[in-house]
Amino acid sequence: MSATWADIQRLAADFQRIQLAEGSKKLSENNCVELISMLIKSKTIDILFTTDGKEYVTRNHLLTEVKNECIGR
């Protein structure tokens, strides 16, 4: 299945709206994984996976973490 840009925008908007909503309406882990997978395949985001493959960060976040460690924060 090939996702269109409109599909990705719709999923991102749904994700943001649901995550900000109060109560029990939250995206499941499977839906979050699907959303991230679509964004990676469309090259919308650039993700680095951890060595165990269970977590991931953006290059910018990794750079920030490295800088913070270097300055002792």
PDB file of N, CA and C in Angstrom:
ATOM      1  N   MET A   1       0.845  -1.183   0.000  1.00  0.00           N
ATOM      2  CA  MET A   1       0.000   0.000   0.000  1.00  0.00           C
ATOM      3  C   MET A   1       0.887   1.241   0.000  1.00  0.00           C
ATOM      4  N   SER A   2       0.645   2.122  -0.919  1.00  0.00           N
ATOM      5  CA  SER A   2       1.420   3.347  -1.018  1.00  0.00           C
ATOM      6  C   SER A   2       0.608   4.498  -0.433  1.00  0.00           C
ATOM      7  N   ALA A   3       1.182   5.168   0.548  1.00  0.00           N
ATOM      8  CA  ALA A   3       0.493   6.280   1.185  1.00  0.00           C
ATOM      9  C   ALA A   3       0.736   7.555   0.399  1.00  0.00           C
ATOM     10  N   THR A   4      -0.309   8.331   0.265  1.00  0.00           N
ATOM     11  CA  THR A   4      -0.167   9.628  -0.379  1.00  0.00           C
ATOM     12  C   THR A   4       0.153  10.671   0.687  1.00  0.00           C
ATOM     13  N   TRP A   5       0.613  11.817   0.244  1.00  0.00           N
ATOM     14  CA  TRP A   5       0.905  12.903   1.175  1.00  0.00           C
ATOM     15  C   TRP A   5      -0.347  13.287   1.955  1.00  0.00           C
ATOM     16  N   ALA A   6      -1.489  13.261   1.313  1.00  0.00           N
ATOM     17  CA  ALA A   6      -2.748  13.588   1.991  1.00  0.00           C
ATOM     18  C   ALA A   6      -3.035  12.578   3.102  1.00  0.00           C
ATOM     19  N   ASP A   7      -2.748  11.290   2.849  1.00  0.00           N
ATOM     20  CA  ASP A   7      -2.937  10.262   3.875  1.00  0.00           C
ATOM     21  C   ASP A   7      -2.059  10.544   5.089  1.00  0.00           C
ATOM     22  N   ILE A   8      -0.814  10.902   4.824  1.00  0.00           N
ATOM     23  CA  ILE A   8       0.126  11.169   5.910  1.00  0.00           C
ATOM     24  C   ILE A   8      -0.299  12.395   6.704  1.00  0.00           C
ATOM     25  N   GLN A   9      -0.724  13.437   6.008  1.00  0.00           N
ATOM     26  CA  GLN A   9      -1.192  14.641   6.699  1.00  0.00           C
ATOM     27  C   GLN A   9      -2.422  14.335   7.548  1.00  0.00           C
ATOM     28  N   ARG A  10      -3.329  13.532   7.007  1.00  0.00           N
ATOM     29  CA  ARG A  10      -4.535  13.162   7.758  1.00  0.00           C
ATOM     30  C   ARG A  10      -4.162  12.374   9.011  1.00  0.00           C
ATOM     31  N   LEU A  11      -3.258  11.405   8.874  1.00  0.00           N
ATOM     32  CA  LEU A  11      -2.832  10.616  10.026  1.00  0.00           C
ATOM     33  C   LEU A  11      -2.131  11.482  11.070  1.00  0.00           C
ATOM     34  N   ALA A  12      -1.279  12.394  10.625  1.00  0.00           N
ATOM     35  CA  ALA A  12      -0.577  13.274  11.559  1.00  0.00           C
ATOM     36  C   ALA A  12      -1.563  14.178  12.303  1.00  0.00           C
ATOM     37  N   ALA A  13      -2.545  14.704  11.592  1.00  0.00           N
ATOM     38  CA  ALA A  13      -3.560  15.555  12.224  1.00  0.00           C
ATOM     39  C   ALA A  13      -4.393  14.748  13.216  1.00  0.00           C
ATOM     40  N   ASP A  14      -4.778  13.534  12.824  1.00  0.00           N
ATOM     41  CA  ASP A  14      -5.527  12.654  13.728  1.00  0.00           C
ATOM     42  C   ASP A  14      -4.707  12.342  14.973  1.00  0.00           C
ATOM     43  N   PHE A  15      -3.432  12.036  14.757  1.00  0.00           N
ATOM     44  CA  PHE A  15      -2.541  11.715  15.866  1.00  0.00           C
ATOM     45  C   PHE A  15      -2.474  12.872  16.855  1.00  0.00           C
ATOM     46  N   GLN A  16      -2.241  14.071  16.354  1.00  0.00           N
ATOM     47  CA  GLN A  16      -2.124  15.230  17.234  1.00  0.00           C
ATOM     48  C   GLN A  16      -3.436  15.499  17.969  1.00  0.00           C
ATOM     49  N   ARG A  17      -4.546  15.459  17.257  1.00  0.00           N
ATOM     50  CA  ARG A  17      -5.845  15.731  17.866  1.00  0.00           C
ATOM     51  C   ARG A  17      -6.164  14.711  18.957  1.00  0.00           C
ATOM     52  N   ILE A  18      -5.925  13.446  18.683  1.00  0.00           N
ATOM     53  CA  ILE A  18      -6.267  12.396  19.639  1.00  0.00           C
ATOM     54  C   ILE A  18      -5.344  12.429  20.850  1.00  0.00           C
ATOM     55  N   GLN A  19      -4.057  12.638  20.625  1.00  0.00           N
ATOM     56  CA  GLN A  19      -3.122  12.657  21.737  1.00  0.00           C
ATOM     57  C   GLN A  19      -3.380  13.845  22.665  1.00  0.00           C
ATOM     58  N   LEU A  20      -3.891  14.943  22.124  1.00  0.00           N
ATOM     59  CA  LEU A  20      -4.182  16.111  22.950  1.00  0.00           C
ATOM     60  C   LEU A  20      -5.542  16.017  23.637  1.00  0.00           C
ATOM     61  N   ALA A  21      -6.390  15.111  23.186  1.00  0.00           N
ATOM     62  CA  ALA A  21      -7.726  14.956  23.754  1.00  0.00           C
ATOM     63  C   ALA A  21      -7.635  14.338  25.145  1.00  0.00           C
ATOM     64  N   GLU A  22      -8.555  14.719  25.985  1.00  0.00           N
ATOM     65  CA  GLU A  22      -8.602  14.144  27.321  1.00  0.00           C
ATOM     66  C   GLU A  22      -9.421  12.868  27.279  1.00  0.00           C
ATOM     67  N   GLY A  23      -9.228  12.059  28.281  1.00  0.00           N
ATOM     68  CA  GLY A  23      -9.997  10.829  28.360  1.00  0.00           C
ATOM     69  C   GLY A  23      -9.249   9.645  27.796  1.00  0.00           C
ATOM     70  N   SER A  24     -10.003   8.646  27.406  1.00  0.00           N
ATOM     71  CA  SER A  24      -9.396   7.375  27.008  1.00  0.00           C
ATOM     72  C   SER A  24      -9.085   7.285  25.522  1.00  0.00           C
ATOM     73  N   LYS A  25      -9.328   8.337  24.763  1.00  0.00           N
ATOM     74  CA  LYS A  25      -9.064   8.289  23.324  1.00  0.00           C
ATOM     75  C   LYS A  25      -7.584   8.526  23.066  1.00  0.00           C
ATOM     76  N   LYS A  26      -6.876   7.453  22.829  1.00  0.00           N
ATOM     77  CA  LYS A  26      -5.451   7.518  22.520  1.00  0.00           C
ATOM     78  C   LYS A  26      -5.175   6.562  21.376  1.00  0.00           C
ATOM     79  N   LEU A  27      -4.136   6.833  20.615  1.00  0.00           N
ATOM     80  CA  LEU A  27      -3.741   5.924  19.544  1.00  0.00           C
ATOM     81  C   LEU A  27      -3.073   4.702  20.146  1.00  0.00           C
ATOM     82  N   SER A  28      -3.353   3.567  19.564  1.00  0.00           N
ATOM     83  CA  SER A  28      -2.710   2.344  20.030  1.00  0.00           C
ATOM     84  C   SER A  28      -1.252   2.339  19.592  1.00  0.00           C
ATOM     85  N   GLU A  29      -0.482   1.466  20.196  1.00  0.00           N
ATOM     86  CA  GLU A  29       0.925   1.343  19.821  1.00  0.00           C
ATOM     87  C   GLU A  29       1.045   0.949  18.354  1.00  0.00           C
ATOM     88  N   ASN A  30       0.166   0.058  17.889  1.00  0.00           N
ATOM     89  CA  ASN A  30       0.199  -0.366  16.482  1.00  0.00           C
ATOM     90  C   ASN A  30      -0.055   0.807  15.538  1.00  0.00           C
ATOM     91  N   ASN A  31      -0.999   1.679  15.900  1.00  0.00           N
ATOM     92  CA  ASN A  31      -1.282   2.845  15.062  1.00  0.00           C
ATOM     93  C   ASN A  31      -0.097   3.806  15.035  1.00  0.00           C
ATOM     94  N   CYS A  32       0.558   3.975  16.177  1.00  0.00           N
ATOM     95  CA  CYS A  32       1.738   4.848  16.226  1.00  0.00           C
ATOM     96  C   CYS A  32       2.856   4.286  15.361  1.00  0.00           C
ATOM     97  N   VAL A  33       3.063   2.971  15.436  1.00  0.00           N
ATOM     98  CA  VAL A  33       4.097   2.328  14.624  1.00  0.00           C
ATOM     99  C   VAL A  33       3.775   2.492  13.144  1.00  0.00           C
ATOM    100  N   GLU A  34       2.504   2.318  12.779  1.00  0.00           N
ATOM    101  CA  GLU A  34       2.093   2.479  11.377  1.00  0.00           C
ATOM    102  C   GLU A  34       2.327   3.914  10.905  1.00  0.00           C
ATOM    103  N   LEU A  35       1.990   4.874  11.737  1.00  0.00           N
ATOM    104  CA  LEU A  35       2.185   6.282  11.390  1.00  0.00           C
ATOM    105  C   LEU A  35       3.665   6.594  11.181  1.00  0.00           C
ATOM    106  N   ILE A  36       4.499   6.165  12.102  1.00  0.00           N
ATOM    107  CA  ILE A  36       5.938   6.398  11.975  1.00  0.00           C
ATOM    108  C   ILE A  36       6.482   5.704  10.733  1.00  0.00           C
ATOM    109  N   SER A  37       6.031   4.482  10.479  1.00  0.00           N
ATOM    110  CA  SER A  37       6.486   3.742   9.290  1.00  0.00           C
ATOM    111  C   SER A  37       6.141   4.482   8.007  1.00  0.00           C
ATOM    112  N   MET A  38       4.939   5.034   7.943  1.00  0.00           N
ATOM    113  CA  MET A  38       4.526   5.779   6.751  1.00  0.00           C
ATOM    114  C   MET A  38       5.382   7.033   6.575  1.00  0.00           C
ATOM    115  N   LEU A  39       5.677   7.717   7.670  1.00  0.00           N
ATOM    116  CA  LEU A  39       6.498   8.926   7.593  1.00  0.00           C
ATOM    117  C   LEU A  39       7.930   8.604   7.171  1.00  0.00           C
ATOM    118  N   ILE A  40       8.446   7.470   7.628  1.00  0.00           N
ATOM    119  CA  ILE A  40       9.796   7.052   7.231  1.00  0.00           C
ATOM    120  C   ILE A  40       9.824   6.694   5.752  1.00  0.00           C
ATOM    121  N   LYS A  41       8.849   5.910   5.301  1.00  0.00           N
ATOM    122  CA  LYS A  41       8.810   5.480   3.900  1.00  0.00           C
ATOM    123  C   LYS A  41       8.671   6.659   2.946  1.00  0.00           C
ATOM    124  N   SER A  42       7.934   7.675   3.379  1.00  0.00           N
ATOM    125  CA  SER A  42       7.754   8.852   2.525  1.00  0.00           C
ATOM    126  C   SER A  42       8.925   9.828   2.658  1.00  0.00           C
ATOM    127  N   LYS A  43       9.884   9.485   3.512  1.00  0.00           N
ATOM    128  CA  LYS A  43      11.064  10.317   3.774  1.00  0.00           C
ATOM    129  C   LYS A  43      10.691  11.688   4.326  1.00  0.00           C
ATOM    130  N   THR A  44       9.564  11.730   5.054  1.00  0.00           N
ATOM    131  CA  THR A  44       9.134  12.955   5.708  1.00  0.00           C
ATOM    132  C   THR A  44       9.967  13.212   6.957  1.00  0.00           C
ATOM    133  N   ILE A  45      10.355  12.135   7.632  1.00  0.00           N
ATOM    134  CA  ILE A  45      11.207  12.256   8.808  1.00  0.00           C
ATOM    135  C   ILE A  45      12.426  11.353   8.635  1.00  0.00           C
ATOM    136  N   ASP A  46      13.505  11.744   9.293  1.00  0.00           N
ATOM    137  CA  ASP A  46      14.747  10.973   9.251  1.00  0.00           C
ATOM    138  C   ASP A  46      14.976  10.418  10.650  1.00  0.00           C
ATOM    139  N   ILE A  47      14.896   9.113  10.779  1.00  0.00           N
ATOM    140  CA  ILE A  47      14.932   8.456  12.078  1.00  0.00           C
ATOM    141  C   ILE A  47      16.184   7.596  12.209  1.00  0.00           C
ATOM    142  N   LEU A  48      16.763   7.596  13.404  1.00  0.00           N
ATOM    143  CA  LEU A  48      17.870   6.701  13.740  1.00  0.00           C
ATOM    144  C   LEU A  48      17.356   5.707  14.775  1.00  0.00           C
ATOM    145  N   PHE A  49      17.546   4.427  14.512  1.00  0.00           N
ATOM    146  CA  PHE A  49      17.086   3.398  15.437  1.00  0.00           C
ATOM    147  C   PHE A  49      18.181   3.063  16.439  1.00  0.00           C
ATOM    148  N   THR A  50      17.767   2.673  17.651  1.00  0.00           N
ATOM    149  CA  THR A  50      18.724   2.209  18.644  1.00  0.00           C
ATOM    150  C   THR A  50      19.255   0.849  18.216  1.00  0.00           C
ATOM    151  N   THR A  51      20.308   0.399  18.877  1.00  0.00           N
ATOM    152  CA  THR A  51      20.925  -0.868  18.479  1.00  0.00           C
ATOM    153  C   THR A  51      19.983  -2.050  18.641  1.00  0.00           C
ATOM    154  N   ASP A  52      19.049  -1.978  19.584  1.00  0.00           N
ATOM    155  CA  ASP A  52      18.101  -3.081  19.743  1.00  0.00           C
ATOM    156  C   ASP A  52      16.887  -2.933  18.824  1.00  0.00           C
ATOM    157  N   GLY A  53      16.768  -1.790  18.144  1.00  0.00           N
ATOM    158  CA  GLY A  53      15.686  -1.573  17.193  1.00  0.00           C
ATOM    159  C   GLY A  53      14.337  -1.280  17.815  1.00  0.00           C
ATOM    160  N   LYS A  54      14.285  -1.113  19.132  1.00  0.00           N
ATOM    161  CA  LYS A  54      13.004  -0.894  19.813  1.00  0.00           C
ATOM    162  C   LYS A  54      12.647   0.577  19.960  1.00  0.00           C
ATOM    163  N   GLU A  55      13.636   1.437  19.862  1.00  0.00           N
ATOM    164  CA  GLU A  55      13.402   2.869  20.005  1.00  0.00           C
ATOM    165  C   GLU A  55      14.093   3.600  18.873  1.00  0.00           C
ATOM    166  N   TYR A  56      13.691   4.854  18.679  1.00  0.00           N
ATOM    167  CA  TYR A  56      14.298   5.654  17.631  1.00  0.00           C
ATOM    168  C   TYR A  56      14.243   7.118  18.019  1.00  0.00           C
ATOM    169  N   VAL A  57      15.154   7.886  17.430  1.00  0.00           N
ATOM    170  CA  VAL A  57      15.212   9.329  17.659  1.00  0.00           C
ATOM    171  C   VAL A  57      15.509  10.010  16.334  1.00  0.00           C
ATOM    172  N   THR A  58      15.219  11.293  16.281  1.00  0.00           N
ATOM    173  CA  THR A  58      15.605  12.061  15.099  1.00  0.00           C
ATOM    174  C   THR A  58      17.073  12.443  15.237  1.00  0.00           C
ATOM    175  N   ARG A  59      17.686  12.791  14.114  1.00  0.00           N
ATOM    176  CA  ARG A  59      19.091  13.216  14.153  1.00  0.00           C
ATOM    177  C   ARG A  59      19.250  14.461  15.029  1.00  0.00           C
ATOM    178  N   ASN A  60      18.289  15.381  14.948  1.00  0.00           N
ATOM    179  CA  ASN A  60      18.362  16.606  15.756  1.00  0.00           C
ATOM    180  C   ASN A  60      18.308  16.292  17.245  1.00  0.00           C
ATOM    181  N   HIS A  61      17.437  15.360  17.630  1.00  0.00           N
ATOM    182  CA  HIS A  61      17.323  14.999  19.044  1.00  0.00           C
ATOM    183  C   HIS A  61      18.611  14.342  19.530  1.00  0.00           C
ATOM    184  N   LEU A  62      19.171  13.464  18.720  1.00  0.00           N
ATOM    185  CA  LEU A  62      20.429  12.809  19.091  1.00  0.00           C
ATOM    186  C   LEU A  62      21.542  13.841  19.251  1.00  0.00           C
ATOM    187  N   LEU A  63      21.629  14.782  18.330  1.00  0.00           N
ATOM    188  CA  LEU A  63      22.642  15.833  18.413  1.00  0.00           C
ATOM    189  C   LEU A  63      22.476  16.646  19.695  1.00  0.00           C
ATOM    190  N   THR A  64      21.239  16.976  20.051  1.00  0.00           N
ATOM    191  CA  THR A  64      20.965  17.715  21.284  1.00  0.00           C
ATOM    192  C   THR A  64      21.404  16.914  22.504  1.00  0.00           C
ATOM    193  N   GLU A  65      21.100  15.613  22.520  1.00  0.00           N
ATOM    194  CA  GLU A  65      21.506  14.771  23.645  1.00  0.00           C
ATOM    195  C   GLU A  65      23.024  14.710  23.774  1.00  0.00           C
ATOM    196  N   VAL A  66      23.717  14.572  22.660  1.00  0.00           N
ATOM    197  CA  VAL A  66      25.181  14.515  22.684  1.00  0.00           C
ATOM    198  C   VAL A  66      25.754  15.836  23.192  1.00  0.00           C
ATOM    199  N   LYS A  67      25.224  16.958  22.703  1.00  0.00           N
ATOM    200  CA  LYS A  67      25.699  18.270  23.161  1.00  0.00           C
ATOM    201  C   LYS A  67      25.476  18.435  24.659  1.00  0.00           C
ATOM    202  N   ASN A  68      24.293  18.043  25.143  1.00  0.00           N
ATOM    203  CA  ASN A  68      23.989  18.161  26.571  1.00  0.00           C
ATOM    204  C   ASN A  68      24.935  17.315  27.415  1.00  0.00           C
ATOM    205  N   GLU A  69      25.262  16.128  26.949  1.00  0.00           N
ATOM    206  CA  GLU A  69      26.200  15.272  27.677  1.00  0.00           C
ATOM    207  C   GLU A  69      27.600  15.885  27.691  1.00  0.00           C
ATOM    208  N   CYS A  70      27.981  16.504  26.597  1.00  0.00           N
ATOM    209  CA  CYS A  70      29.323  17.101  26.508  1.00  0.00           C
ATOM    210  C   CYS A  70      29.483  18.304  27.428  1.00  0.00           C
ATOM    211  N   ILE A  71      28.389  19.044  27.644  1.00  0.00           N
ATOM    212  CA  ILE A  71      28.483  20.212  28.528  1.00  0.00           C
ATOM    213  C   ILE A  71      28.081  19.867  29.959  1.00  0.00           C
ATOM    214  N   GLY A  72      27.757  18.609  30.208  1.00  0.00           N
ATOM    215  CA  GLY A  72      27.490  18.156  31.565  1.00  0.00           C
ATOM    216  C   GLY A  72      26.110  18.447  32.100  1.00  0.00           C
ATOM    217  N   ARG A  73      25.124  18.554  31.233  1.00  0.00           N
ATOM    218  CA  ARG A  73      23.758  18.820  31.694  1.00  0.00           C
ATOM    219  C   ARG A  73      23.028  17.556  31.978  1.00  0.00           C
TER     220      ARG A  73
END
